[in-house]
Amino acid sequence: MFDLFVAHAKLERDAAKDPEMAEHMKKHARHCKRYMGNANKYIKQSVETPVEKK
């Protein structure tokens, strides 16, 4: 799941850099920040709640 959030963030970052998307740059930057925040939350949750082994 972490990798998915990071991949989405990278796509949004690249879209923000695209000159054709200049009018939507701030929107893409906000989405990038949101996806990275979600990735950080996911990592923190997985560290706090270790998976039980069977």
PDB file of N, CA and C in Angstrom:
ATOM      1  N   MET A   1       0.825  -1.183   0.000  1.00  0.00           N
ATOM      2  CA  MET A   1       0.000   0.000   0.000  1.00  0.00           C
ATOM      3  C   MET A   1       0.878   1.260   0.000  1.00  0.00           C
ATOM      4  N   PHE A   2       1.961   1.205   0.760  1.00  0.00           N
ATOM      5  CA  PHE A   2       2.887   2.336   0.808  1.00  0.00           C
ATOM      6  C   PHE A   2       3.392   2.666  -0.597  1.00  0.00           C
ATOM      7  N   ASP A   3       3.776   1.619  -1.340  1.00  0.00           N
ATOM      8  CA  ASP A   3       4.303   1.831  -2.688  1.00  0.00           C
ATOM      9  C   ASP A   3       3.261   2.472  -3.599  1.00  0.00           C
ATOM     10  N   LEU A   4       2.007   2.122  -3.412  1.00  0.00           N
ATOM     11  CA  LEU A   4       0.934   2.705  -4.210  1.00  0.00           C
ATOM     12  C   LEU A   4       0.795   4.194  -3.936  1.00  0.00           C
ATOM     13  N   PHE A   5       0.829   4.584  -2.659  1.00  0.00           N
ATOM     14  CA  PHE A   5       0.753   6.003  -2.306  1.00  0.00           C
ATOM     15  C   PHE A   5       1.931   6.781  -2.889  1.00  0.00           C
ATOM     16  N   VAL A   6       3.114   6.206  -2.802  1.00  0.00           N
ATOM     17  CA  VAL A   6       4.310   6.876  -3.320  1.00  0.00           C
ATOM     18  C   VAL A   6       4.230   6.998  -4.841  1.00  0.00           C
ATOM     19  N   ALA A   7       3.737   5.967  -5.509  1.00  0.00           N
ATOM     20  CA  ALA A   7       3.602   6.025  -6.968  1.00  0.00           C
ATOM     21  C   ALA A   7       2.616   7.113  -7.382  1.00  0.00           C
ATOM     22  N   HIS A   8       1.501   7.205  -6.660  1.00  0.00           N
ATOM     23  CA  HIS A   8       0.538   8.265  -6.949  1.00  0.00           C
ATOM     24  C   HIS A   8       1.166   9.643  -6.730  1.00  0.00           C
ATOM     25  N   ALA A   9       1.920   9.782  -5.669  1.00  0.00           N
ATOM     26  CA  ALA A   9       2.566  11.066  -5.380  1.00  0.00           C
ATOM     27  C   ALA A   9       3.538  11.443  -6.499  1.00  0.00           C
ATOM     28  N   LYS A  10       4.291  10.471  -6.999  1.00  0.00           N
ATOM     29  CA  LYS A  10       5.237  10.744  -8.077  1.00  0.00           C
ATOM     30  C   LYS A  10       4.503  11.165  -9.351  1.00  0.00           C
ATOM     31  N   LEU A  11       3.391  10.514  -9.648  1.00  0.00           N
ATOM     32  CA  LEU A  11       2.606  10.903 -10.819  1.00  0.00           C
ATOM     33  C   LEU A  11       2.086  12.328 -10.692  1.00  0.00           C
ATOM     34  N   GLU A  12       1.590  12.670  -9.511  1.00  0.00           N
ATOM     35  CA  GLU A  12       1.086  14.026  -9.289  1.00  0.00           C
ATOM     36  C   GLU A  12       2.217  15.051  -9.359  1.00  0.00           C
ATOM     37  N   ARG A  13       3.385  14.691  -8.849  1.00  0.00           N
ATOM     38  CA  ARG A  13       4.540  15.587  -8.918  1.00  0.00           C
ATOM     39  C   ARG A  13       4.936  15.838 -10.367  1.00  0.00           C
ATOM     40  N   ASP A  14       4.966  14.767 -11.145  1.00  0.00           N
ATOM     41  CA  ASP A  14       5.322  14.908 -12.558  1.00  0.00           C
ATOM     42  C   ASP A  14       4.278  15.729 -13.307  1.00  0.00           C
ATOM     43  N   ALA A  15       3.010  15.545 -12.964  1.00  0.00           N
ATOM     44  CA  ALA A  15       1.951  16.327 -13.605  1.00  0.00           C
ATOM     45  C   ALA A  15       2.085  17.805 -13.256  1.00  0.00           C
ATOM     46  N   ALA A  16       2.498  18.091 -12.041  1.00  0.00           N
ATOM     47  CA  ALA A  16       2.667  19.486 -11.628  1.00  0.00           C
ATOM     48  C   ALA A  16       3.814  20.148 -12.394  1.00  0.00           C
ATOM     49  N   LYS A  17       4.804  19.371 -12.795  1.00  0.00           N
ATOM     50  CA  LYS A  17       5.947  19.904 -13.537  1.00  0.00           C
ATOM     51  C   LYS A  17       5.653  20.062 -15.026  1.00  0.00           C
ATOM     52  N   ASP A  18       4.616  19.404 -15.517  1.00  0.00           N
ATOM     53  CA  ASP A  18       4.281  19.435 -16.941  1.00  0.00           C
ATOM     54  C   ASP A  18       3.791  20.821 -17.346  1.00  0.00           C
ATOM     55  N   PRO A  19       4.413  21.454 -18.341  1.00  0.00           N
ATOM     56  CA  PRO A  19       4.001  22.809 -18.755  1.00  0.00           C
ATOM     57  C   PRO A  19       2.555  22.879 -19.253  1.00  0.00           C
ATOM     58  N   GLU A  20       2.058  21.784 -19.820  1.00  0.00           N
ATOM     59  CA  GLU A  20       0.680  21.769 -20.305  1.00  0.00           C
ATOM     60  C   GLU A  20      -0.333  21.794 -19.162  1.00  0.00           C
ATOM     61  N   MET A  21       0.100  21.420 -17.980  1.00  0.00           N
ATOM     62  CA  MET A  21      -0.791  21.355 -16.821  1.00  0.00           C
ATOM     63  C   MET A  21      -0.565  22.531 -15.880  1.00  0.00           C
ATOM     64  N   ALA A  22       0.028  23.596 -16.370  1.00  0.00           N
ATOM     65  CA  ALA A  22       0.394  24.738 -15.522  1.00  0.00           C
ATOM     66  C   ALA A  22      -0.794  25.318 -14.772  1.00  0.00           C
ATOM     67  N   GLU A  23      -1.953  25.320 -15.395  1.00  0.00           N
ATOM     68  CA  GLU A  23      -3.125  25.899 -14.726  1.00  0.00           C
ATOM     69  C   GLU A  23      -3.614  25.040 -13.563  1.00  0.00           C
ATOM     70  N   HIS A  24      -3.222  23.768 -13.550  1.00  0.00           N
ATOM     71  CA  HIS A  24      -3.633  22.872 -12.470  1.00  0.00           C
ATOM     72  C   HIS A  24      -2.467  22.514 -11.549  1.00  0.00           C
ATOM     73  N   MET A  25      -1.384  23.286 -11.607  1.00  0.00           N
ATOM     74  CA  MET A  25      -0.171  22.958 -10.860  1.00  0.00           C
ATOM     75  C   MET A  25      -0.427  22.836  -9.356  1.00  0.00           C
ATOM     76  N   LYS A  26      -1.148  23.802  -8.794  1.00  0.00           N
ATOM     77  CA  LYS A  26      -1.383  23.770  -7.342  1.00  0.00           C
ATOM     78  C   LYS A  26      -2.221  22.564  -6.943  1.00  0.00           C
ATOM     79  N   LYS A  27      -3.182  22.199  -7.771  1.00  0.00           N
ATOM     80  CA  LYS A  27      -4.020  21.033  -7.488  1.00  0.00           C
ATOM     81  C   LYS A  27      -3.158  19.773  -7.433  1.00  0.00           C
ATOM     82  N   HIS A  28      -2.269  19.615  -8.419  1.00  0.00           N
ATOM     83  CA  HIS A  28      -1.404  18.440  -8.446  1.00  0.00           C
ATOM     84  C   HIS A  28      -0.430  18.451  -7.269  1.00  0.00           C
ATOM     85  N   ALA A  29       0.055  19.608  -6.902  1.00  0.00           N
ATOM     86  CA  ALA A  29       0.967  19.702  -5.755  1.00  0.00           C
ATOM     87  C   ALA A  29       0.253  19.304  -4.463  1.00  0.00           C
ATOM     88  N   ARG A  30      -0.990  19.731  -4.305  1.00  0.00           N
ATOM     89  CA  ARG A  30      -1.768  19.347  -3.114  1.00  0.00           C
ATOM     90  C   ARG A  30      -2.002  17.840  -3.078  1.00  0.00           C
ATOM     91  N   HIS A  31      -2.315  17.262  -4.232  1.00  0.00           N
ATOM     92  CA  HIS A  31      -2.530  15.813  -4.283  1.00  0.00           C
ATOM     93  C   HIS A  31      -1.246  15.063  -3.950  1.00  0.00           C
ATOM     94  N   CYS A  32      -0.130  15.554  -4.457  1.00  0.00           N
ATOM     95  CA  CYS A  32       1.157  14.928  -4.154  1.00  0.00           C
ATOM     96  C   CYS A  32       1.408  14.938  -2.658  1.00  0.00           C
ATOM     97  N   LYS A  33       1.173  16.076  -2.038  1.00  0.00           N
ATOM     98  CA  LYS A  33       1.372  16.206  -0.592  1.00  0.00           C
ATOM     99  C   LYS A  33       0.435  15.269   0.173  1.00  0.00           C
ATOM    100  N   ARG A  34      -0.815  15.164  -0.294  1.00  0.00           N
ATOM    101  CA  ARG A  34      -1.788  14.292   0.373  1.00  0.00           C
ATOM    102  C   ARG A  34      -1.367  12.832   0.282  1.00  0.00           C
ATOM    103  N   TYR A  35      -0.939  12.394  -0.908  1.00  0.00           N
ATOM    104  CA  TYR A  35      -0.523  11.004  -1.065  1.00  0.00           C
ATOM    105  C   TYR A  35       0.704  10.682  -0.220  1.00  0.00           C
ATOM    106  N   MET A  36       1.642  11.611  -0.121  1.00  0.00           N
ATOM    107  CA  MET A  36       2.812  11.363   0.719  1.00  0.00           C
ATOM    108  C   MET A  36       2.424  11.329   2.192  1.00  0.00           C
ATOM    109  N   GLY A  37       1.458  12.153   2.586  1.00  0.00           N
ATOM    110  CA  GLY A  37       0.948  12.103   3.955  1.00  0.00           C
ATOM    111  C   GLY A  37       0.307  10.764   4.250  1.00  0.00           C
ATOM    112  N   ASN A  38      -0.460  10.253   3.294  1.00  0.00           N
ATOM    113  CA  ASN A  38      -1.084   8.940   3.470  1.00  0.00           C
ATOM    114  C   ASN A  38      -0.029   7.845   3.571  1.00  0.00           C
ATOM    115  N   ALA A  39       1.012   7.945   2.778  1.00  0.00           N
ATOM    116  CA  ALA A  39       2.085   6.956   2.830  1.00  0.00           C
ATOM    117  C   ALA A  39       2.757   6.973   4.195  1.00  0.00           C
ATOM    118  N   ASN A  40       3.017   8.165   4.726  1.00  0.00           N
ATOM    119  CA  ASN A  40       3.640   8.275   6.048  1.00  0.00           C
ATOM    120  C   ASN A  40       2.726   7.717   7.138  1.00  0.00           C
ATOM    121  N   LYS A  41       1.427   7.973   7.047  1.00  0.00           N
ATOM    122  CA  LYS A  41       0.482   7.427   8.019  1.00  0.00           C
ATOM    123  C   LYS A  41       0.462   5.907   7.951  1.00  0.00           C
ATOM    124  N   TYR A  42       0.490   5.373   6.735  1.00  0.00           N
ATOM    125  CA  TYR A  42       0.474   3.923   6.561  1.00  0.00           C
ATOM    126  C   TYR A  42       1.697   3.279   7.196  1.00  0.00           C
ATOM    127  N   ILE A  43       2.864   3.888   6.988  1.00  0.00           N
ATOM    128  CA  ILE A  43       4.100   3.353   7.579  1.00  0.00           C
ATOM    129  C   ILE A  43       4.024   3.403   9.100  1.00  0.00           C
ATOM    130  N   LYS A  44       3.544   4.519   9.650  1.00  0.00           N
ATOM    131  CA  LYS A  44       3.448   4.646  11.108  1.00  0.00           C
ATOM    132  C   LYS A  44       2.496   3.616  11.678  1.00  0.00           C
ATOM    133  N   GLN A  45       1.373   3.361  11.014  1.00  0.00           N
ATOM    134  CA  GLN A  45       0.405   2.375  11.494  1.00  0.00           C
ATOM    135  C   GLN A  45       0.993   0.976  11.460  1.00  0.00           C
ATOM    136  N   SER A  46       1.739   0.655  10.411  1.00  0.00           N
ATOM    137  CA  SER A  46       2.304  -0.687  10.310  1.00  0.00           C
ATOM    138  C   SER A  46       3.405  -0.902  11.346  1.00  0.00           C
ATOM    139  N   VAL A  47       4.086   0.163  11.751  1.00  0.00           N
ATOM    140  CA  VAL A  47       5.119   0.036  12.780  1.00  0.00           C
ATOM    141  C   VAL A  47       4.480  -0.107  14.152  1.00  0.00           C
ATOM    142  N   GLU A  48       3.414   0.613  14.402  1.00  0.00           N
ATOM    143  CA  GLU A  48       2.761   0.585  15.703  1.00  0.00           C
ATOM    144  C   GLU A  48       1.992  -0.707  15.944  1.00  0.00           C
ATOM    145  N   THR A  49       1.444  -1.318  14.892  1.00  0.00           N
ATOM    146  CA  THR A  49       0.675  -2.538  15.033  1.00  0.00           C
ATOM    147  C   THR A  49       1.343  -3.645  14.233  1.00  0.00           C
ATOM    148  N   PRO A  50       2.280  -4.364  14.862  1.00  0.00           N
ATOM    149  CA  PRO A  50       2.989  -5.427  14.136  1.00  0.00           C
ATOM    150  C   PRO A  50       2.025  -6.559  13.754  1.00  0.00           C
ATOM    151  N   VAL A  51       2.310  -7.192  12.654  1.00  0.00           N
ATOM    152  CA  VAL A  51       1.490  -8.300  12.155  1.00  0.00           C
ATOM    153  C   VAL A  51       1.821  -9.559  12.942  1.00  0.00           C
ATOM    154  N   GLU A  52       0.759 -10.262  13.368  1.00  0.00           N
ATOM    155  CA  GLU A  52       0.967 -11.488  14.133  1.00  0.00           C
ATOM    156  C   GLU A  52       1.352 -12.629  13.188  1.00  0.00           C
ATOM    157  N   LYS A  53       2.326 -13.410  13.591  1.00  0.00           N
ATOM    158  CA  LYS A  53       2.729 -14.561  12.795  1.00  0.00           C
ATOM    159  C   LYS A  53       1.963 -15.769  13.274  1.00  0.00           C
ATOM    160  N   LYS A  54       1.571 -16.613  12.325  1.00  0.00           N
ATOM    161  CA  LYS A  54       0.824 -17.838  12.669  1.00  0.00           C
ATOM    162  C   LYS A  54       1.727 -19.023  12.696  1.00  0.00           C
TER     163      LYS A  54
END
